[in-house]
Protein backbone atom coordinates (compact mmCIF):
# COMPACT_ATOMS: atom_id res chain seq x y z
CA MET A 1 -66.60 77.11 85.74
CA ALA A 2 -68.77 75.54 88.64
CA LEU A 3 -69.35 72.09 87.51
CA LEU A 4 -71.91 69.84 89.20
CA SER A 5 -72.04 66.01 89.46
CA ARG A 6 -72.90 63.94 86.35
CA VAL A 7 -76.00 63.08 88.65
CA ALA A 8 -77.31 66.62 88.55
CA ASP A 9 -77.07 66.22 84.71
CA ARG A 10 -78.86 62.98 84.63
CA VAL A 11 -81.66 64.16 87.19
CA TYR A 12 -82.10 67.31 84.93
CA TRP A 13 -82.88 65.36 81.93
CA ALA A 14 -84.77 62.70 83.56
CA ALA A 15 -87.15 65.55 84.50
CA ARG A 16 -86.99 67.03 81.32
CA TYR A 17 -88.19 63.56 79.65
CA ILE A 18 -90.72 62.98 82.48
CA GLU A 19 -92.42 66.40 81.73
CA ARG A 20 -92.13 66.29 78.02
CA ALA A 21 -94.20 62.99 78.52
CA GLU A 22 -96.78 64.29 80.77
CA ASP A 23 -97.07 67.58 78.47
CA SER A 24 -97.60 65.52 75.34
CA ALA A 25 -100.26 63.12 77.22
CA ARG A 26 -102.08 66.15 78.61
CA ILE A 27 -102.22 67.88 74.84
CA LEU A 28 -103.12 64.73 73.14
CA ARG A 29 -106.23 64.10 75.76
CA ALA A 30 -107.32 67.74 75.62
CA TYR A 31 -107.32 67.84 71.68
CA GLY A 32 -109.56 64.42 71.58
CA ASP A 33 -112.02 66.04 74.16
CA VAL A 34 -112.03 69.42 71.85
CA LEU A 35 -112.41 67.48 68.46
CA ALA A 36 -115.67 65.66 69.83
CA ASP A 37 -117.24 69.00 69.71
CA LEU A 38 -116.56 70.04 66.34
CA PRO A 39 -117.80 68.82 62.85
CA THR A 40 -115.47 65.99 61.12
CA THR A 41 -114.85 68.31 58.47
CA SER A 42 -112.76 70.44 60.80
CA THR A 43 -110.83 67.63 62.52
CA ARG A 44 -107.28 67.54 61.90
CA TRP A 45 -104.54 65.64 64.04
CA SER A 46 -101.46 66.67 62.20
CA PRO A 47 -100.71 69.74 64.25
CA LEU A 48 -100.13 67.66 67.08
CA VAL A 49 -97.27 66.32 65.30
CA THR A 50 -95.81 69.70 64.82
CA ILE A 51 -96.36 70.53 68.45
CA SER A 52 -94.32 67.76 69.65
CA GLY A 53 -91.30 69.35 68.08
CA SER A 54 -89.61 66.34 66.87
CA GLY A 55 -88.96 67.45 63.27
CA VAL A 56 -90.05 64.02 62.33
CA LYS A 57 -92.45 63.89 59.70
CA LEU A 58 -95.05 61.23 59.25
CA PRO A 59 -94.98 58.96 55.93
CA ALA A 60 -97.84 59.89 53.86
CA VAL A 61 -99.86 61.04 57.05
CA SER A 62 -103.31 62.24 56.74
CA GLY A 63 -104.40 65.34 58.68
CA SER A 64 -107.41 63.44 59.64
CA ASP A 65 -105.66 60.22 60.73
CA GLU A 66 -106.37 59.90 64.52
CA SER A 67 -104.97 56.56 64.78
CA GLN A 68 -101.66 57.18 62.90
CA VAL A 69 -101.21 60.44 64.68
CA ALA A 70 -101.85 58.79 68.28
CA GLN A 71 -99.67 55.88 67.54
CA PHE A 72 -96.66 58.20 66.35
CA LEU A 73 -97.13 60.48 69.50
CA ILE A 74 -97.37 57.59 72.20
CA ALA A 75 -95.89 54.46 70.98
CA ASP A 76 -93.42 54.97 68.11
CA ARG A 77 -90.16 53.80 68.91
CA GLU A 78 -88.54 55.74 65.96
CA HIS A 79 -90.30 58.99 67.39
CA PRO A 80 -87.95 60.48 69.84
CA ASN A 81 -90.52 62.38 71.55
CA SER A 82 -93.23 59.68 72.07
CA ILE A 83 -94.58 59.03 75.44
CA LEU A 84 -93.13 55.34 75.58
CA ASN A 85 -89.81 57.03 74.66
CA ALA A 86 -89.85 59.94 77.03
CA VAL A 87 -90.80 57.55 79.93
CA ASP A 88 -88.10 55.33 79.04
CA ARG A 89 -85.40 57.94 79.04
CA SER A 90 -86.36 59.43 82.36
CA ARG A 91 -86.30 56.01 84.09
CA ASP A 92 -82.71 55.29 82.44
CA ASN A 93 -81.66 58.39 83.78
CA LEU A 94 -82.67 57.92 87.14
CA ARG A 95 -81.69 54.53 87.60
CA THR A 96 -78.19 55.50 87.15
CA CYS A 97 -78.56 58.00 90.40
CA ARG A 98 -80.98 55.84 92.42
CA GLU A 99 -78.73 56.30 95.33
CA VAL A 100 -79.84 60.18 95.78
CA LEU A 101 -83.42 59.64 95.01
CA PRO A 102 -86.18 59.08 97.50
CA ARG A 103 -86.86 55.26 97.53
CA GLU A 104 -90.67 56.39 96.46
CA ALA A 105 -89.45 58.48 93.48
CA TRP A 106 -87.69 55.26 91.88
CA GLN A 107 -90.67 53.07 92.62
CA THR A 108 -92.98 55.76 90.84
CA ILE A 109 -91.08 56.12 87.53
CA ASN A 110 -90.16 52.02 87.44
CA ASP A 111 -93.61 51.37 87.59
CA LEU A 112 -94.80 53.94 85.18
CA SER A 113 -92.30 52.85 82.81
CA ILE A 114 -93.28 49.09 83.06
CA TYR A 115 -96.96 50.20 82.65
CA VAL A 116 -96.32 52.40 79.67
CA ARG A 117 -94.38 49.66 77.77
CA GLY A 118 -97.11 46.94 78.09
CA ALA A 119 -99.95 49.45 77.51
CA ALA A 120 -98.66 51.83 74.88
CA VAL A 121 -99.31 50.15 71.80
CA THR A 122 -102.72 49.29 72.74
CA SER A 123 -103.87 52.49 74.27
CA VAL A 124 -103.50 54.09 70.62
CA GLU A 125 -107.00 53.08 70.22
CA ARG A 126 -109.57 55.67 71.25
CA ARG A 127 -111.66 53.56 73.49
CA ARG A 128 -108.23 52.87 75.78
CA ARG A 129 -106.57 56.23 75.26
CA ASP A 130 -108.19 58.28 77.83
CA ARG A 131 -107.30 55.91 80.77
CA PHE A 132 -103.53 55.40 79.55
CA LEU A 133 -103.17 59.42 79.11
CA THR A 134 -104.58 60.14 82.58
CA ARG A 135 -102.36 57.52 84.21
CA VAL A 136 -99.30 58.82 82.51
CA ILE A 137 -100.16 62.49 83.98
CA ASP A 138 -101.01 61.20 87.34
CA GLU A 139 -97.84 59.38 87.55
CA SER A 140 -95.93 62.17 86.64
CA ARG A 141 -97.67 64.60 89.03
CA ARG A 142 -96.96 62.04 91.61
CA LEU A 143 -93.29 61.87 90.90
CA ASP A 144 -92.81 65.43 91.03
CA GLY A 145 -94.71 65.42 94.28
CA VAL A 146 -92.53 62.87 95.89
CA MET A 147 -89.34 64.77 94.54
CA GLN A 148 -91.10 68.32 95.80
CA SER A 149 -91.70 66.92 99.34
CA THR A 150 -89.22 64.77 100.47
CA MET A 151 -86.21 65.62 98.42
CA THR A 152 -83.21 67.46 100.04
CA ARG A 153 -82.76 71.13 98.54
CA ASP A 154 -79.51 70.69 97.08
CA GLU A 155 -78.05 71.34 93.75
CA VAL A 156 -79.45 68.00 92.39
CA PHE A 157 -83.06 69.05 93.53
CA GLU A 158 -82.40 72.52 91.97
CA MET A 159 -81.57 70.65 88.80
CA TRP A 160 -84.68 68.70 88.82
CA ARG A 161 -86.85 71.88 89.04
CA LEU A 162 -84.76 73.30 86.10
CA GLY A 163 -85.36 70.40 83.87
CA ARG A 164 -89.22 70.51 84.62
CA TYR A 165 -89.62 74.04 84.15
CA ILE A 166 -87.56 74.78 80.98
CA GLU A 167 -89.50 71.79 79.04
CA ARG A 168 -92.61 73.23 80.43
CA ALA A 169 -92.00 76.75 78.82
CA ASP A 170 -90.83 75.33 75.65
CA MET A 171 -94.01 73.12 75.28
CA THR A 172 -96.30 76.21 76.23
CA THR A 173 -94.71 78.15 73.37
CA ARG A 174 -95.32 75.48 71.09
CA VAL A 175 -98.80 74.88 71.65
CA LEU A 176 -99.24 78.80 71.10
CA GLY A 177 -96.98 78.79 68.15
CA VAL A 178 -98.78 76.20 66.27
CA ARG A 179 -102.64 76.13 67.96
CA ALA A 180 -103.09 79.68 68.99
CA ALA A 181 -101.48 81.18 66.12
CA THR A 182 -103.55 79.23 63.75
CA LEU A 183 -106.62 80.41 65.56
CA LEU A 184 -105.33 84.00 65.46
CA SER A 185 -104.98 83.65 61.56
CA LEU A 186 -108.24 83.98 60.52
CA PRO A 187 -108.97 86.12 57.57
CA ALA A 188 -110.22 89.61 58.09
CA GLY A 189 -114.16 89.54 58.77
CA ALA A 190 -113.90 85.90 58.94
CA VAL A 191 -115.91 84.15 62.12
CA ASP A 192 -115.23 80.70 63.46
CA GLU A 193 -118.67 79.66 65.20
CA PHE A 194 -116.01 77.00 67.25
CA ALA A 195 -113.32 79.68 68.27
CA GLU A 196 -114.42 79.46 71.72
CA VAL A 197 -114.24 75.34 71.94
CA GLN A 198 -110.93 75.72 70.22
CA TRP A 199 -109.45 78.27 72.75
CA MET A 200 -111.02 76.07 75.54
CA GLY A 201 -109.09 73.44 73.86
CA VAL A 202 -105.78 75.45 74.08
CA LEU A 203 -106.16 76.14 77.95
CA ARG A 204 -107.01 72.39 78.77
CA SER A 205 -103.98 71.38 76.87
CA LEU A 206 -101.83 73.09 79.47
CA SER A 207 -104.36 72.74 82.44
CA ALA A 208 -105.25 76.60 82.34
CA LEU A 209 -109.15 76.69 81.84
CA GLN A 210 -109.94 77.18 85.46
CA MET A 211 -107.14 79.58 86.71
CA TYR A 212 -107.76 81.50 83.15
CA GLN A 213 -111.19 81.73 84.01
CA ARG A 214 -110.37 82.75 87.42
CA ALA A 215 -107.94 85.34 86.63
CA THR A 216 -109.87 87.29 83.81
CA ASN A 217 -113.50 86.79 85.32
CA GLY A 218 -114.88 87.11 81.57
CA PRO A 219 -115.46 85.45 78.32
CA ILE A 220 -112.67 83.25 76.78
CA ASN A 221 -111.04 85.73 74.35
CA GLY A 222 -108.15 84.66 72.04
CA PRO A 223 -105.67 87.25 72.60
CA ALA A 224 -106.24 87.50 76.69
CA VAL A 225 -105.73 83.61 76.26
CA VAL A 226 -102.29 83.96 74.72
CA ARG A 227 -101.41 86.91 77.11
CA PHE A 228 -102.38 84.79 79.99
CA LEU A 229 -100.20 81.81 78.78
CA LEU A 230 -97.52 83.84 78.16
CA PHE A 231 -97.10 86.66 80.83
CA ASP A 232 -99.33 85.77 84.13
CA HIS A 233 -96.58 84.69 86.19
CA ARG A 234 -98.67 83.57 88.80
CA PHE A 235 -99.54 80.32 86.79
CA PRO A 236 -97.12 77.96 87.04
CA ARG A 237 -97.48 76.93 83.44
CA SER A 238 -97.18 80.32 81.72
CA VAL A 239 -94.05 80.78 80.38
CA ALA A 240 -93.08 83.85 82.50
CA GLY A 241 -94.07 81.58 85.32
CA CYS A 242 -91.99 79.01 84.31
CA LEU A 243 -88.88 81.55 84.04
CA ALA A 244 -89.45 83.11 87.31
CA GLU A 245 -89.38 79.49 88.95
CA MET A 246 -85.98 78.83 86.84
CA ARG A 247 -84.75 82.13 88.48
CA THR A 248 -85.44 81.07 91.94
CA SER A 249 -83.60 77.81 91.27
CA ILE A 250 -80.34 79.07 89.49
CA LEU A 251 -80.05 81.61 92.51
CA ARG A 252 -79.38 78.67 94.60
CA LEU A 253 -76.48 76.97 92.44
CA PRO A 254 -72.99 78.13 92.42
CA GLU A 255 -71.38 80.47 90.28
CA TYR A 256 -74.83 81.47 88.62
CA SER A 257 -74.31 84.93 87.20
CA THR A 258 -73.72 83.50 83.41
CA VAL A 259 -76.67 80.99 83.54
CA LEU A 260 -79.01 83.83 85.30
CA GLY A 261 -77.69 86.23 82.50
CA ALA A 262 -79.70 83.71 79.99
CA VAL A 263 -82.86 83.46 81.90
CA GLU A 264 -82.86 87.41 81.90
CA ALA A 265 -82.08 87.23 78.14
CA ALA A 266 -85.20 84.85 77.65
CA ASP A 267 -87.34 86.96 79.79
CA ARG A 268 -86.52 89.87 77.45
CA GLN A 269 -87.28 88.06 74.41
CA LEU A 270 -90.69 87.13 75.89
CA ARG A 271 -91.71 90.44 77.02
CA ARG A 272 -90.68 91.44 73.24
CA SER A 273 -93.50 89.13 72.40
CA ARG A 274 -96.15 91.15 73.81
CA PRO A 275 -97.78 92.73 70.51
CA ALA A 276 -97.84 89.72 68.84
CA ALA A 277 -100.87 88.45 71.17
CA ASP A 278 -103.12 89.47 68.72
CA ASP A 279 -101.70 88.68 65.18
CA GLY A 280 -101.15 84.70 64.52
CA VAL A 281 -98.15 84.79 62.08
CA ALA A 282 -96.55 87.29 64.46
CA LEU A 283 -96.99 84.78 67.41
CA ASP A 284 -95.86 81.97 65.67
CA ALA A 285 -92.69 83.90 64.69
CA ALA A 286 -92.34 85.35 68.27
CA MET A 287 -92.57 81.90 69.74
CA GLU A 288 -89.92 80.34 67.60
CA GLU A 289 -87.55 83.38 69.02
CA VAL A 290 -88.76 82.65 72.59
CA GLN A 291 -87.76 78.55 71.86
CA VAL A 292 -84.57 79.84 70.41
CA ALA A 293 -83.53 81.75 74.07
CA LEU A 294 -84.69 78.80 75.53
CA ALA A 295 -82.30 76.57 73.82
CA ARG A 296 -79.44 79.04 74.46
CA LEU A 297 -80.33 79.09 78.11
CA ASP A 298 -80.24 75.22 78.24
CA GLY A 299 -76.98 75.12 76.47
CA VAL A 300 -75.70 77.65 78.98
CA MET A 301 -76.66 75.76 81.74
CA HIS A 302 -75.17 72.50 80.06
CA ASP A 303 -71.81 74.54 79.61
CA GLN A 304 -71.63 75.85 83.32
CA TYR A 305 -72.88 72.79 85.19
CA VAL A 306 -72.07 69.56 83.29
CA VAL A 307 -69.24 67.39 83.73
CA HIS A 308 -67.66 66.44 80.47
CA GLU A 309 -66.00 63.44 80.01
CA GLN A 310 -62.42 63.25 78.66
């Protein structure tokens, strides 16, 4: 068994948590923008709780209660995947291994954590929310840019990349399994006059709208959106793109064959989901299977590379 340092494990989880915070901020911001273009009767915020993947249910939540869902996703200390908790956990992991990080990386995550702790509760309000979410996204991008541009290409750096990409792939499947599957599940013959706006929201939640338009050079079509976000390996937020980047990093680690096999298994599961791109029920089930494959990959990496305390 190849055992990397506990530092590598902490960096891996720091990367997962900051990616989780960024993705949540991106999704919440995009969802708010889309709902501004929809009639009030179509406004439901509860799907965002499902996308967060926490398994936590809001007590007596109303699907249209924007402030309650926003508070849950941004500032709830009881919600393990809230932006507040995710940023704090990323900072806590990086704090214990500052000696291997570029100084600017620690400064960035520390400053972001201080900002989020001070602003999260008041940023639940709609008039302050967009500025807060944009700051989280921008600082997460800055942190990743620092790591990419100034960190030595060693095992710790590859674990950072692995953490970002496995978290990103998982979030993409959750967005598709909840939002896209719902949009594809209209009864036969039914027409949703706001479908295009909602598909644009799916793309925006993954910062994919412009790249989709560039790749397809055509109108926004539901199944085409699904296929782009799952299979276009050129797009770094597609599931296929994330798996390709993970494969690159794994090949740079010691004794990688078992972990590489888990990546290939996840890729095979992804390819089996291709027929589900046109059917909401099938897509939901297919995304759950891909999430299971990603969870297995995470477990294999942990077993292979994490030093266990005796």
